[in-house]
Every structure is written in C-alpha cells, then in structure tokens.
Amino acid sequence: MTNTEPTSPHPLRKPLLITEFTALAVLLASMGWFSSQTNEGQTISAAWLLIPAFASLGVFLSFIGLMYLRWIASTESGNQFRHKVIFSLLTVTLVGVWIYSIANTWFSLTAS
C-alpha cells in the first residue's frame, strides 16, 4: 500500500542547510584570503585561523545535524536505540577528528 500523503521535511532541515552552506562559503573565502595574503609575502597571525576553524566546525555540526535528521529522526523502526548508539559513535569520531586536526594545526603554528 502506498502512502498518498506528501511528507514534509523536518523544520530544522532548512536552517541546517543554510548554516552548512554559509559556513562552507566563509571557510572557502577565508582560505582564498589566506592564500592571497601569503602570496604577497605577509605573515598571517595565528588568531586569524579561528575564522576557518569555527567555519569548519559549523560545517561539521550542521552536516552531523542533517545526518541525524536523515538517519534517526525519520526512522520509525524498533531498533532506534541501536541507531542512536551507532550515530553517537560516528558523531564522537567526527568531532574527535576535527578537534585533533585543529589542535595539530595550532601546535604546529605555535611551535615554529
């Protein structure tokens, strides 16, 4: 039997998409600005790296939120607890990789 009712998207889907693409635009713009600054021979202060760091965090968190909406919020199965556990492990792994990469970048810049 087919469902004839149109399914409406989750109310958080649109704000998460806007956040993800805005943060991605900020990330790409800051990378372009950094490359133009280093071509001129100027050194960039390490504090300026907070802009792409927070932009990449925004991309990651909105991506994780959209994955949650797709994989957990839309399911109606009896195994939802198992799905949430697996999703939590995936989330912790992704955020851990982000923290590790930001920390490595920061330490490599301050060690020079």
PDB file of N, CA and C in Angstrom:
ATOM      1  N   MET A   1       0.822  -1.156   0.000  1.00  0.00           N
ATOM      2  CA  MET A   1       0.000   0.000   0.000  1.00  0.00           C
ATOM      3  C   MET A   1       0.884   1.242   0.000  1.00  0.00           C
ATOM      4  N   THR A   2       0.562   2.200  -0.833  1.00  0.00           N
ATOM      5  CA  THR A   2       1.381   3.403  -0.925  1.00  0.00           C
ATOM      6  C   THR A   2       0.796   4.508  -0.074  1.00  0.00           C
ATOM      7  N   ASN A   3       1.667   5.335   0.407  1.00  0.00           N
ATOM      8  CA  ASN A   3       1.264   6.480   1.210  1.00  0.00           C
ATOM      9  C   ASN A   3       1.024   7.654   0.279  1.00  0.00           C
ATOM     10  N   THR A   4      -0.214   8.169   0.250  1.00  0.00           N
ATOM     11  CA  THR A   4      -0.533   9.266  -0.658  1.00  0.00           C
ATOM     12  C   THR A   4      -0.300  10.629  -0.037  1.00  0.00           C
ATOM     13  N   GLU A   5      -0.057  10.683   1.279  1.00  0.00           N
ATOM     14  CA  GLU A   5       0.200  11.971   1.929  1.00  0.00           C
ATOM     15  C   GLU A   5       1.612  12.444   1.610  1.00  0.00           C
ATOM     16  N   PRO A   6       1.755  13.705   1.222  1.00  0.00           N
ATOM     17  CA  PRO A   6       3.109  14.217   0.988  1.00  0.00           C
ATOM     18  C   PRO A   6       3.831  14.374   2.336  1.00  0.00           C
ATOM     19  N   THR A   7       5.072  13.945   2.362  1.00  0.00           N
ATOM     20  CA  THR A   7       5.851  14.080   3.588  1.00  0.00           C
ATOM     21  C   THR A   7       6.527  15.433   3.591  1.00  0.00           C
ATOM     22  N   SER A   8       6.395  16.140   4.688  1.00  0.00           N
ATOM     23  CA  SER A   8       7.031  17.447   4.785  1.00  0.00           C
ATOM     24  C   SER A   8       8.398  17.283   5.427  1.00  0.00           C
ATOM     25  N   PRO A   9       9.354  18.088   5.007  1.00  0.00           N
ATOM     26  CA  PRO A   9      10.686  17.987   5.603  1.00  0.00           C
ATOM     27  C   PRO A   9      10.671  18.446   7.056  1.00  0.00           C
ATOM     28  N   HIS A  10      11.636  17.993   7.794  1.00  0.00           N
ATOM     29  CA  HIS A  10      11.775  18.369   9.196  1.00  0.00           C
ATOM     30  C   HIS A  10      11.994  19.878   9.279  1.00  0.00           C
ATOM     31  N   PRO A  11      11.450  20.551  10.307  1.00  0.00           N
ATOM     32  CA  PRO A  11      11.593  22.011  10.392  1.00  0.00           C
ATOM     33  C   PRO A  11      13.034  22.490  10.564  1.00  0.00           C
ATOM     34  N   LEU A  12      13.916  21.645  11.047  1.00  0.00           N
ATOM     35  CA  LEU A  12      15.316  22.051  11.214  1.00  0.00           C
ATOM     36  C   LEU A  12      16.158  21.848   9.961  1.00  0.00           C
ATOM     37  N   ARG A  13      15.596  21.208   8.960  1.00  0.00           N
ATOM     38  CA  ARG A  13      16.378  20.887   7.752  1.00  0.00           C
ATOM     39  C   ARG A  13      16.862  22.151   7.038  1.00  0.00           C
ATOM     40  N   LYS A  14      15.971  23.100   6.824  1.00  0.00           N
ATOM     41  CA  LYS A  14      16.343  24.318   6.106  1.00  0.00           C
ATOM     42  C   LYS A  14      17.378  25.152   6.871  1.00  0.00           C
ATOM     43  N   PRO A  15      17.199  25.404   8.188  1.00  0.00           N
ATOM     44  CA  PRO A  15      18.249  26.152   8.905  1.00  0.00           C
ATOM     45  C   PRO A  15      19.593  25.435   8.914  1.00  0.00           C
ATOM     46  N   LEU A  16      19.583  24.107   8.986  1.00  0.00           N
ATOM     47  CA  LEU A  16      20.847  23.370   8.959  1.00  0.00           C
ATOM     48  C   LEU A  16      21.524  23.482   7.598  1.00  0.00           C
ATOM     49  N   LEU A  17      20.738  23.421   6.530  1.00  0.00           N
ATOM     50  CA  LEU A  17      21.313  23.587   5.188  1.00  0.00           C
ATOM     51  C   LEU A  17      21.881  24.994   5.002  1.00  0.00           C
ATOM     52  N   ILE A  18      21.154  25.993   5.483  1.00  0.00           N
ATOM     53  CA  ILE A  18      21.649  27.372   5.375  1.00  0.00           C
ATOM     54  C   ILE A  18      22.939  27.535   6.171  1.00  0.00           C
ATOM     55  N   THR A  19      22.967  26.980   7.378  1.00  0.00           N
ATOM     56  CA  THR A  19      24.173  27.056   8.204  1.00  0.00           C
ATOM     57  C   THR A  19      25.345  26.360   7.541  1.00  0.00           C
ATOM     58  N   GLU A  20      25.096  25.175   6.993  1.00  0.00           N
ATOM     59  CA  GLU A  20      26.181  24.419   6.371  1.00  0.00           C
ATOM     60  C   GLU A  20      26.782  25.165   5.185  1.00  0.00           C
ATOM     61  N   PHE A  21      25.950  25.673   4.305  1.00  0.00           N
ATOM     62  CA  PHE A  21      26.480  26.323   3.113  1.00  0.00           C
ATOM     63  C   PHE A  21      27.048  27.708   3.407  1.00  0.00           C
ATOM     64  N   THR A  22      26.510  28.399   4.410  1.00  0.00           N
ATOM     65  CA  THR A  22      27.091  29.676   4.815  1.00  0.00           C
ATOM     66  C   THR A  22      28.471  29.460   5.421  1.00  0.00           C
ATOM     67  N   ALA A  23      28.584  28.470   6.305  1.00  0.00           N
ATOM     68  CA  ALA A  23      29.882  28.172   6.916  1.00  0.00           C
ATOM     69  C   ALA A  23      30.881  27.702   5.863  1.00  0.00           C
ATOM     70  N   LEU A  24      30.415  26.942   4.880  1.00  0.00           N
ATOM     71  CA  LEU A  24      31.296  26.496   3.801  1.00  0.00           C
ATOM     72  C   LEU A  24      31.775  27.684   2.975  1.00  0.00           C
ATOM     73  N   ALA A  25      30.897  28.645   2.718  1.00  0.00           N
ATOM     74  CA  ALA A  25      31.302  29.844   1.969  1.00  0.00           C
ATOM     75  C   ALA A  25      32.324  30.656   2.766  1.00  0.00           C
ATOM     76  N   VAL A  26      32.110  30.791   4.069  1.00  0.00           N
ATOM     77  CA  VAL A  26      33.072  31.508   4.912  1.00  0.00           C
ATOM     78  C   VAL A  26      34.405  30.780   4.917  1.00  0.00           C
ATOM     79  N   LEU A  27      34.367  29.464   5.007  1.00  0.00           N
ATOM     80  CA  LEU A  27      35.598  28.665   5.002  1.00  0.00           C
ATOM     81  C   LEU A  27      36.374  28.846   3.704  1.00  0.00           C
ATOM     82  N   LEU A  28      35.686  28.760   2.578  1.00  0.00           N
ATOM     83  CA  LEU A  28      36.362  28.922   1.279  1.00  0.00           C
ATOM     84  C   LEU A  28      36.869  30.345   1.082  1.00  0.00           C
ATOM     85  N   ALA A  29      36.081  31.338   1.505  1.00  0.00           N
ATOM     86  CA  ALA A  29      36.518  32.729   1.372  1.00  0.00           C
ATOM     87  C   ALA A  29      37.746  32.999   2.237  1.00  0.00           C
ATOM     88  N   SER A  30      37.773  32.447   3.448  1.00  0.00           N
ATOM     89  CA  SER A  30      38.937  32.674   4.311  1.00  0.00           C
ATOM     90  C   SER A  30      40.170  31.968   3.754  1.00  0.00           C
ATOM     91  N   MET A  31      39.992  30.813   3.162  1.00  0.00           N
ATOM     92  CA  MET A  31      41.132  30.126   2.548  1.00  0.00           C
ATOM     93  C   MET A  31      41.662  30.915   1.357  1.00  0.00           C
ATOM     94  N   GLY A  32      40.760  31.491   0.566  1.00  0.00           N
ATOM     95  CA  GLY A  32      41.194  32.322  -0.557  1.00  0.00           C
ATOM     96  C   GLY A  32      41.904  33.578  -0.086  1.00  0.00           C
ATOM     97  N   TRP A  33      41.392  34.190   0.977  1.00  0.00           N
ATOM     98  CA  TRP A  33      42.038  35.386   1.525  1.00  0.00           C
ATOM     99  C   TRP A  33      43.413  35.047   2.079  1.00  0.00           C
ATOM    100  N   PHE A  34      43.537  33.910   2.770  1.00  0.00           N
ATOM    101  CA  PHE A  34      44.835  33.497   3.308  1.00  0.00           C
ATOM    102  C   PHE A  34      45.837  33.260   2.194  1.00  0.00           C
ATOM    103  N   SER A  35      45.401  32.625   1.120  1.00  0.00           N
ATOM    104  CA  SER A  35      46.343  32.365   0.031  1.00  0.00           C
ATOM    105  C   SER A  35      46.775  33.663  -0.646  1.00  0.00           C
ATOM    106  N   SER A  36      45.900  34.644  -0.742  1.00  0.00           N
ATOM    107  CA  SER A  36      46.304  35.917  -1.340  1.00  0.00           C
ATOM    108  C   SER A  36      47.257  36.675  -0.417  1.00  0.00           C
ATOM    109  N   GLN A  37      47.109  36.519   0.882  1.00  0.00           N
ATOM    110  CA  GLN A  37      47.999  37.186   1.822  1.00  0.00           C
ATOM    111  C   GLN A  37      49.386  36.555   1.820  1.00  0.00           C
ATOM    112  N   THR A  38      49.456  35.247   1.693  1.00  0.00           N
ATOM    113  CA  THR A  38      50.767  34.590   1.710  1.00  0.00           C
ATOM    114  C   THR A  38      51.495  34.769   0.384  1.00  0.00           C
ATOM    115  N   ASN A  39      50.769  34.999  -0.711  1.00  0.00           N
ATOM    116  CA  ASN A  39      51.418  35.262  -1.992  1.00  0.00           C
ATOM    117  C   ASN A  39      52.161  36.590  -1.971  1.00  0.00           C
ATOM    118  N   GLU A  40      51.672  37.533  -1.191  1.00  0.00           N
ATOM    119  CA  GLU A  40      52.318  38.839  -1.098  1.00  0.00           C
ATOM    120  C   GLU A  40      53.472  38.836  -0.109  1.00  0.00           C
ATOM    121  N   GLY A  41      53.726  37.721   0.543  1.00  0.00           N
ATOM    122  CA  GLY A  41      54.843  37.613   1.462  1.00  0.00           C
ATOM    123  C   GLY A  41      54.535  38.019   2.879  1.00  0.00           C
ATOM    124  N   GLN A  42      53.293  38.318   3.170  1.00  0.00           N
ATOM    125  CA  GLN A  42      52.929  38.704   4.523  1.00  0.00           C
ATOM    126  C   GLN A  42      52.728  37.463   5.382  1.00  0.00           C
ATOM    127  N   THR A  43      52.978  37.622   6.671  1.00  0.00           N
ATOM    128  CA  THR A  43      52.687  36.523   7.586  1.00  0.00           C
ATOM    129  C   THR A  43      51.304  36.748   8.189  1.00  0.00           C
ATOM    130  N   ILE A  44      50.632  35.671   8.442  1.00  0.00           N
ATOM    131  CA  ILE A  44      49.274  35.717   8.973  1.00  0.00           C
ATOM    132  C   ILE A  44      49.325  35.391  10.460  1.00  0.00           C
ATOM    133  N   SER A  45      48.645  36.176  11.235  1.00  0.00           N
ATOM    134  CA  SER A  45      48.567  35.922  12.672  1.00  0.00           C
ATOM    135  C   SER A  45      47.785  34.628  12.909  1.00  0.00           C
ATOM    136  N   ALA A  46      48.220  33.891  13.907  1.00  0.00           N
ATOM    137  CA  ALA A  46      47.554  32.621  14.217  1.00  0.00           C
ATOM    138  C   ALA A  46      46.114  32.836  14.662  1.00  0.00           C
ATOM    139  N   ALA A  47      45.792  33.991  15.191  1.00  0.00           N
ATOM    140  CA  ALA A  47      44.423  34.271  15.629  1.00  0.00           C
ATOM    141  C   ALA A  47      43.446  34.297  14.454  1.00  0.00           C
ATOM    142  N   TRP A  48      43.932  34.658  13.261  1.00  0.00           N
ATOM    143  CA  TRP A  48      43.062  34.662  12.079  1.00  0.00           C
ATOM    144  C   TRP A  48      42.596  33.258  11.716  1.00  0.00           C
ATOM    145  N   LEU A  49      43.311  32.259  12.182  1.00  0.00           N
ATOM    146  CA  LEU A  49      42.914  30.877  11.875  1.00  0.00           C
ATOM    147  C   LEU A  49      41.668  30.456  12.632  1.00  0.00           C
ATOM    148  N   LEU A  50      41.227  31.271  13.578  1.00  0.00           N
ATOM    149  CA  LEU A  50      39.979  30.954  14.268  1.00  0.00           C
ATOM    150  C   LEU A  50      38.772  31.055  13.332  1.00  0.00           C
ATOM    151  N   ILE A  51      38.864  31.902  12.320  1.00  0.00           N
ATOM    152  CA  ILE A  51      37.753  32.038  11.370  1.00  0.00           C
ATOM    153  C   ILE A  51      37.508  30.731  10.622  1.00  0.00           C
ATOM    154  N   PRO A  52      38.515  30.150   9.943  1.00  0.00           N
ATOM    155  CA  PRO A  52      38.226  28.884   9.265  1.00  0.00           C
ATOM    156  C   PRO A  52      37.991  27.736  10.248  1.00  0.00           C
ATOM    157  N   ALA A  53      38.556  27.819  11.447  1.00  0.00           N
ATOM    158  CA  ALA A  53      38.316  26.760  12.430  1.00  0.00           C
ATOM    159  C   ALA A  53      36.844  26.729  12.828  1.00  0.00           C
ATOM    160  N   PHE A  54      36.284  27.894  13.152  1.00  0.00           N
ATOM    161  CA  PHE A  54      34.871  27.922  13.527  1.00  0.00           C
ATOM    162  C   PHE A  54      33.969  27.662  12.331  1.00  0.00           C
ATOM    163  N   ALA A  55      34.383  28.082  11.148  1.00  0.00           N
ATOM    164  CA  ALA A  55      33.591  27.794   9.952  1.00  0.00           C
ATOM    165  C   ALA A  55      33.565  26.295   9.674  1.00  0.00           C
ATOM    166  N   SER A  56      34.705  25.634   9.827  1.00  0.00           N
ATOM    167  CA  SER A  56      34.718  24.186   9.611  1.00  0.00           C
ATOM    168  C   SER A  56      33.914  23.467  10.690  1.00  0.00           C
ATOM    169  N   LEU A  57      33.921  23.989  11.907  1.00  0.00           N
ATOM    170  CA  LEU A  57      33.076  23.409  12.956  1.00  0.00           C
ATOM    171  C   LEU A  57      31.603  23.574  12.603  1.00  0.00           C
ATOM    172  N   GLY A  58      31.235  24.727  12.053  1.00  0.00           N
ATOM    173  CA  GLY A  58      29.858  24.933  11.614  1.00  0.00           C
ATOM    174  C   GLY A  58      29.454  23.971  10.514  1.00  0.00           C
ATOM    175  N   VAL A  59      30.358  23.729   9.572  1.00  0.00           N
ATOM    176  CA  VAL A  59      30.083  22.764   8.506  1.00  0.00           C
ATOM    177  C   VAL A  59      29.900  21.370   9.101  1.00  0.00           C
ATOM    178  N   PHE A  60      30.804  20.981   9.991  1.00  0.00           N
ATOM    179  CA  PHE A  60      30.721  19.652  10.606  1.00  0.00           C
ATOM    180  C   PHE A  60      29.443  19.480  11.409  1.00  0.00           C
ATOM    181  N   LEU A  61      29.118  20.447  12.261  1.00  0.00           N
ATOM    182  CA  LEU A  61      27.950  20.295  13.122  1.00  0.00           C
ATOM    183  C   LEU A  61      26.642  20.296  12.326  1.00  0.00           C
ATOM    184  N   SER A  62      26.548  21.128  11.316  1.00  0.00           N
ATOM    185  CA  SER A  62      25.333  21.114  10.506  1.00  0.00           C
ATOM    186  C   SER A  62      25.249  19.836   9.670  1.00  0.00           C
ATOM    187  N   PHE A  63      26.389  19.334   9.211  1.00  0.00           N
ATOM    188  CA  PHE A  63      26.402  18.059   8.499  1.00  0.00           C
ATOM    189  C   PHE A  63      25.938  16.934   9.410  1.00  0.00           C
ATOM    190  N   ILE A  64      26.419  16.938  10.643  1.00  0.00           N
ATOM    191  CA  ILE A  64      26.005  15.916  11.611  1.00  0.00           C
ATOM    192  C   ILE A  64      24.513  16.057  11.911  1.00  0.00           C
ATOM    193  N   GLY A  65      24.031  17.292  12.040  1.00  0.00           N
ATOM    194  CA  GLY A  65      22.605  17.503  12.270  1.00  0.00           C
ATOM    195  C   GLY A  65      21.752  16.993  11.121  1.00  0.00           C
ATOM    196  N   LEU A  66      22.190  17.234   9.901  1.00  0.00           N
ATOM    197  CA  LEU A  66      21.450  16.734   8.744  1.00  0.00           C
ATOM    198  C   LEU A  66      21.490  15.211   8.672  1.00  0.00           C
ATOM    199  N   MET A  67      22.628  14.624   9.045  1.00  0.00           N
ATOM    200  CA  MET A  67      22.694  13.153   9.095  1.00  0.00           C
ATOM    201  C   MET A  67      21.726  12.612  10.142  1.00  0.00           C
ATOM    202  N   TYR A  68      21.642  13.299  11.275  1.00  0.00           N
ATOM    203  CA  TYR A  68      20.709  12.868  12.318  1.00  0.00           C
ATOM    204  C   TYR A  68      19.279  12.894  11.796  1.00  0.00           C
ATOM    205  N   LEU A  69      18.908  13.965  11.115  1.00  0.00           N
ATOM    206  CA  LEU A  69      17.555  14.061  10.581  1.00  0.00           C
ATOM    207  C   LEU A  69      17.277  12.954   9.573  1.00  0.00           C
ATOM    208  N   ARG A  70      18.277  12.624   8.786  1.00  0.00           N
ATOM    209  CA  ARG A  70      18.091  11.615   7.749  1.00  0.00           C
ATOM    210  C   ARG A  70      18.070  10.192   8.324  1.00  0.00           C
ATOM    211  N   TRP A  71      18.954   9.913   9.267  1.00  0.00           N
ATOM    212  CA  TRP A  71      19.126   8.541   9.743  1.00  0.00           C
ATOM    213  C   TRP A  71      18.321   8.210  10.994  1.00  0.00           C
ATOM    214  N   ILE A  72      18.097   9.169  11.873  1.00  0.00           N
ATOM    215  CA  ILE A  72      17.460   8.859  13.151  1.00  0.00           C
ATOM    216  C   ILE A  72      16.042   9.410  13.225  1.00  0.00           C
ATOM    217  N   ALA A  73      15.882  10.695  12.970  1.00  0.00           N
ATOM    218  CA  ALA A  73      14.576  11.323  13.148  1.00  0.00           C
ATOM    219  C   ALA A  73      13.525  10.795  12.175  1.00  0.00           C
ATOM    220  N   SER A  74      13.943  10.357  11.014  1.00  0.00           N
ATOM    221  CA  SER A  74      12.975   9.902  10.018  1.00  0.00           C
ATOM    222  C   SER A  74      12.642   8.415  10.149  1.00  0.00           C
ATOM    223  N   THR A  75      13.371   7.684  10.981  1.00  0.00           N
ATOM    224  CA  THR A  75      13.101   6.250  11.116  1.00  0.00           C
ATOM    225  C   THR A  75      12.023   6.006  12.153  1.00  0.00           C
ATOM    226  N   GLU A  76      11.270   4.972  11.915  1.00  0.00           N
ATOM    227  CA  GLU A  76      10.216   4.583  12.851  1.00  0.00           C
ATOM    228  C   GLU A  76      10.386   3.135  13.262  1.00  0.00           C
ATOM    229  N   SER A  77      11.588   2.657  13.201  1.00  0.00           N
ATOM    230  CA  SER A  77      11.819   1.250  13.497  1.00  0.00           C
ATOM    231  C   SER A  77      11.961   1.015  14.995  1.00  0.00           C
ATOM    232  N   GLY A  78      11.866  -0.245  15.372  1.00  0.00           N
ATOM    233  CA  GLY A  78      12.028  -0.619  16.776  1.00  0.00           C
ATOM    234  C   GLY A  78      13.471  -0.610  17.216  1.00  0.00           C
ATOM    235  N   ASN A  79      14.407  -0.534  16.269  1.00  0.00           N
ATOM    236  CA  ASN A  79      15.838  -0.528  16.588  1.00  0.00           C
ATOM    237  C   ASN A  79      16.392   0.884  16.690  1.00  0.00           C
ATOM    238  N   GLN A  80      15.557   1.846  17.043  1.00  0.00           N
ATOM    239  CA  GLN A  80      16.016   3.242  17.060  1.00  0.00           C
ATOM    240  C   GLN A  80      17.111   3.463  18.103  1.00  0.00           C
ATOM    241  N   PHE A  81      17.078   2.750  19.215  1.00  0.00           N
ATOM    242  CA  PHE A  81      18.129   2.901  20.225  1.00  0.00           C
ATOM    243  C   PHE A  81      19.476   2.488  19.647  1.00  0.00           C
ATOM    244  N   ARG A  82      19.513   1.390  18.936  1.00  0.00           N
ATOM    245  CA  ARG A  82      20.760   0.932  18.316  1.00  0.00           C
ATOM    246  C   ARG A  82      21.258   1.944  17.281  1.00  0.00           C
ATOM    247  N   HIS A  83      20.335   2.514  16.523  1.00  0.00           N
ATOM    248  CA  HIS A  83      20.710   3.530  15.542  1.00  0.00           C
ATOM    249  C   HIS A  83      21.304   4.752  16.234  1.00  0.00           C
ATOM    250  N   LYS A  84      20.722   5.146  17.369  1.00  0.00           N
ATOM    251  CA  LYS A  84      21.230   6.298  18.105  1.00  0.00           C
ATOM    252  C   LYS A  84      22.611   6.031  18.680  1.00  0.00           C
ATOM    253  N   VAL A  85      22.857   4.813  19.136  1.00  0.00           N
ATOM    254  CA  VAL A  85      24.180   4.475  19.666  1.00  0.00           C
ATOM    255  C   VAL A  85      25.226   4.539  18.559  1.00  0.00           C
ATOM    256  N   ILE A  86      24.919   3.959  17.417  1.00  0.00           N
ATOM    257  CA  ILE A  86      25.853   3.975  16.290  1.00  0.00           C
ATOM    258  C   ILE A  86      26.074   5.404  15.806  1.00  0.00           C
ATOM    259  N   PHE A  87      25.011   6.192  15.732  1.00  0.00           N
ATOM    260  CA  PHE A  87      25.142   7.580  15.312  1.00  0.00           C
ATOM    261  C   PHE A  87      25.969   8.374  16.321  1.00  0.00           C
ATOM    262  N   SER A  88      25.789   8.114  17.600  1.00  0.00           N
ATOM    263  CA  SER A  88      26.585   8.802  18.622  1.00  0.00           C
ATOM    264  C   SER A  88      28.069   8.485  18.479  1.00  0.00           C
ATOM    265  N   LEU A  89      28.390   7.233  18.201  1.00  0.00           N
ATOM    266  CA  LEU A  89      29.788   6.860  17.979  1.00  0.00           C
ATOM    267  C   LEU A  89      30.359   7.571  16.755  1.00  0.00           C
ATOM    268  N   LEU A  90      29.580   7.649  15.701  1.00  0.00           N
ATOM    269  CA  LEU A  90      30.011   8.348  14.497  1.00  0.00           C
ATOM    270  C   LEU A  90      30.219   9.837  14.779  1.00  0.00           C
ATOM    271  N   THR A  91      29.314  10.431  15.539  1.00  0.00           N
ATOM    272  CA  THR A  91      29.429  11.850  15.887  1.00  0.00           C
ATOM    273  C   THR A  91      30.671  12.123  16.721  1.00  0.00           C
ATOM    274  N   VAL A  92      30.896  11.290  17.724  1.00  0.00           N
ATOM    275  CA  VAL A  92      32.076  11.467  18.569  1.00  0.00           C
ATOM    276  C   VAL A  92      33.351  11.309  17.741  1.00  0.00           C
ATOM    277  N   THR A  93      33.350  10.380  16.810  1.00  0.00           N
ATOM    278  CA  THR A  93      34.514  10.180  15.952  1.00  0.00           C
ATOM    279  C   THR A  93      34.765  11.402  15.068  1.00  0.00           C
ATOM    280  N   LEU A  94      33.722  11.919  14.429  1.00  0.00           N
ATOM    281  CA  LEU A  94      33.889  13.084  13.552  1.00  0.00           C
ATOM    282  C   LEU A  94      34.343  14.322  14.321  1.00  0.00           C
ATOM    283  N   VAL A  95      33.736  14.574  15.462  1.00  0.00           N
ATOM    284  CA  VAL A  95      34.135  15.732  16.253  1.00  0.00           C
ATOM    285  C   VAL A  95      35.552  15.531  16.812  1.00  0.00           C
ATOM    286  N   GLY A  96      35.894  14.292  17.162  1.00  0.00           N
ATOM    287  CA  GLY A  96      37.249  13.998  17.627  1.00  0.00           C
ATOM    288  C   GLY A  96      38.292  14.251  16.554  1.00  0.00           C
ATOM    289  N   VAL A  97      37.997  13.878  15.332  1.00  0.00           N
ATOM    290  CA  VAL A  97      38.917  14.141  14.217  1.00  0.00           C
ATOM    291  C   VAL A  97      39.063  15.641  14.007  1.00  0.00           C
ATOM    292  N   TRP A  98      37.959  16.384  14.127  1.00  0.00           N
ATOM    293  CA  TRP A  98      38.033  17.839  13.983  1.00  0.00           C
ATOM    294  C   TRP A  98      38.909  18.445  15.081  1.00  0.00           C
ATOM    295  N   ILE A  99      38.698  18.038  16.324  1.00  0.00           N
ATOM    296  CA  ILE A  99      39.497  18.559  17.441  1.00  0.00           C
ATOM    297  C   ILE A  99      40.973  18.211  17.260  1.00  0.00           C
ATOM    298  N   TYR A 100      41.252  16.990  16.857  1.00  0.00           N
ATOM    299  CA  TYR A 100      42.633  16.562  16.643  1.00  0.00           C
ATOM    300  C   TYR A 100      43.308  17.391  15.550  1.00  0.00           C
ATOM    301  N   SER A 101      42.608  17.627  14.456  1.00  0.00           N
ATOM    302  CA  SER A 101      43.217  18.381  13.352  1.00  0.00           C
ATOM    303  C   SER A 101      43.418  19.849  13.723  1.00  0.00           C
ATOM    304  N   ILE A 102      42.462  20.445  14.427  1.00  0.00           N
ATOM    305  CA  ILE A 102      42.621  21.833  14.852  1.00  0.00           C
ATOM    306  C   ILE A 102      43.771  21.945  15.851  1.00  0.00           C
ATOM    307  N   ALA A 103      43.856  21.011  16.778  1.00  0.00           N
ATOM    308  CA  ALA A 103      44.938  21.036  17.779  1.00  0.00           C
ATOM    309  C   ALA A 103      46.294  20.856  17.100  1.00  0.00           C
ATOM    310  N   ASN A 104      46.404  19.929  16.168  1.00  0.00           N
ATOM    311  CA  ASN A 104      47.668  19.728  15.451  1.00  0.00           C
ATOM    312  C   ASN A 104      48.061  20.969  14.658  1.00  0.00           C
ATOM    313  N   THR A 105      47.108  21.602  14.012  1.00  0.00           N
ATOM    314  CA  THR A 105      47.406  22.816  13.262  1.00  0.00           C
ATOM    315  C   THR A 105      47.875  23.921  14.199  1.00  0.00           C
ATOM    316  N   TRP A 106      47.199  24.095  15.310  1.00  0.00           N
ATOM    317  CA  TRP A 106      47.556  25.149  16.255  1.00  0.00           C
ATOM    318  C   TRP A 106      48.943  24.905  16.846  1.00  0.00           C
ATOM    319  N   PHE A 107      49.215  23.660  17.241  1.00  0.00           N
ATOM    320  CA  PHE A 107      50.519  23.353  17.830  1.00  0.00           C
ATOM    321  C   PHE A 107      51.648  23.502  16.822  1.00  0.00           C
ATOM    322  N   SER A 108      51.389  23.160  15.559  1.00  0.00           N
ATOM    323  CA  SER A 108      52.436  23.309  14.559  1.00  0.00           C
ATOM    324  C   SER A 108      52.727  24.783  14.270  1.00  0.00           C
ATOM    325  N   LEU A 109      51.733  25.635  14.393  1.00  0.00           N
ATOM    326  CA  LEU A 109      51.943  27.061  14.158  1.00  0.00           C
ATOM    327  C   LEU A 109      52.644  27.727  15.335  1.00  0.00           C
ATOM    328  N   THR A 110      52.303  27.326  16.523  1.00  0.00           N
ATOM    329  CA  THR A 110      52.918  27.956  17.695  1.00  0.00           C
ATOM    330  C   THR A 110      54.300  27.401  17.981  1.00  0.00           C
ATOM    331  N   ALA A 111      54.638  26.230  17.447  1.00  0.00           N
ATOM    332  CA  ALA A 111      55.967  25.651  17.665  1.00  0.00           C
ATOM    333  C   ALA A 111      57.018  26.304  16.778  1.00  0.00           C
ATOM    334  N   SER A 112      56.609  26.905  15.681  1.00  0.00           N
ATOM    335  CA  SER A 112      57.566  27.500  14.741  1.00  0.00           C
ATOM    336  C   SER A 112      58.197  28.748  15.290  1.00  0.00           C
TER     337      SER A 112
END
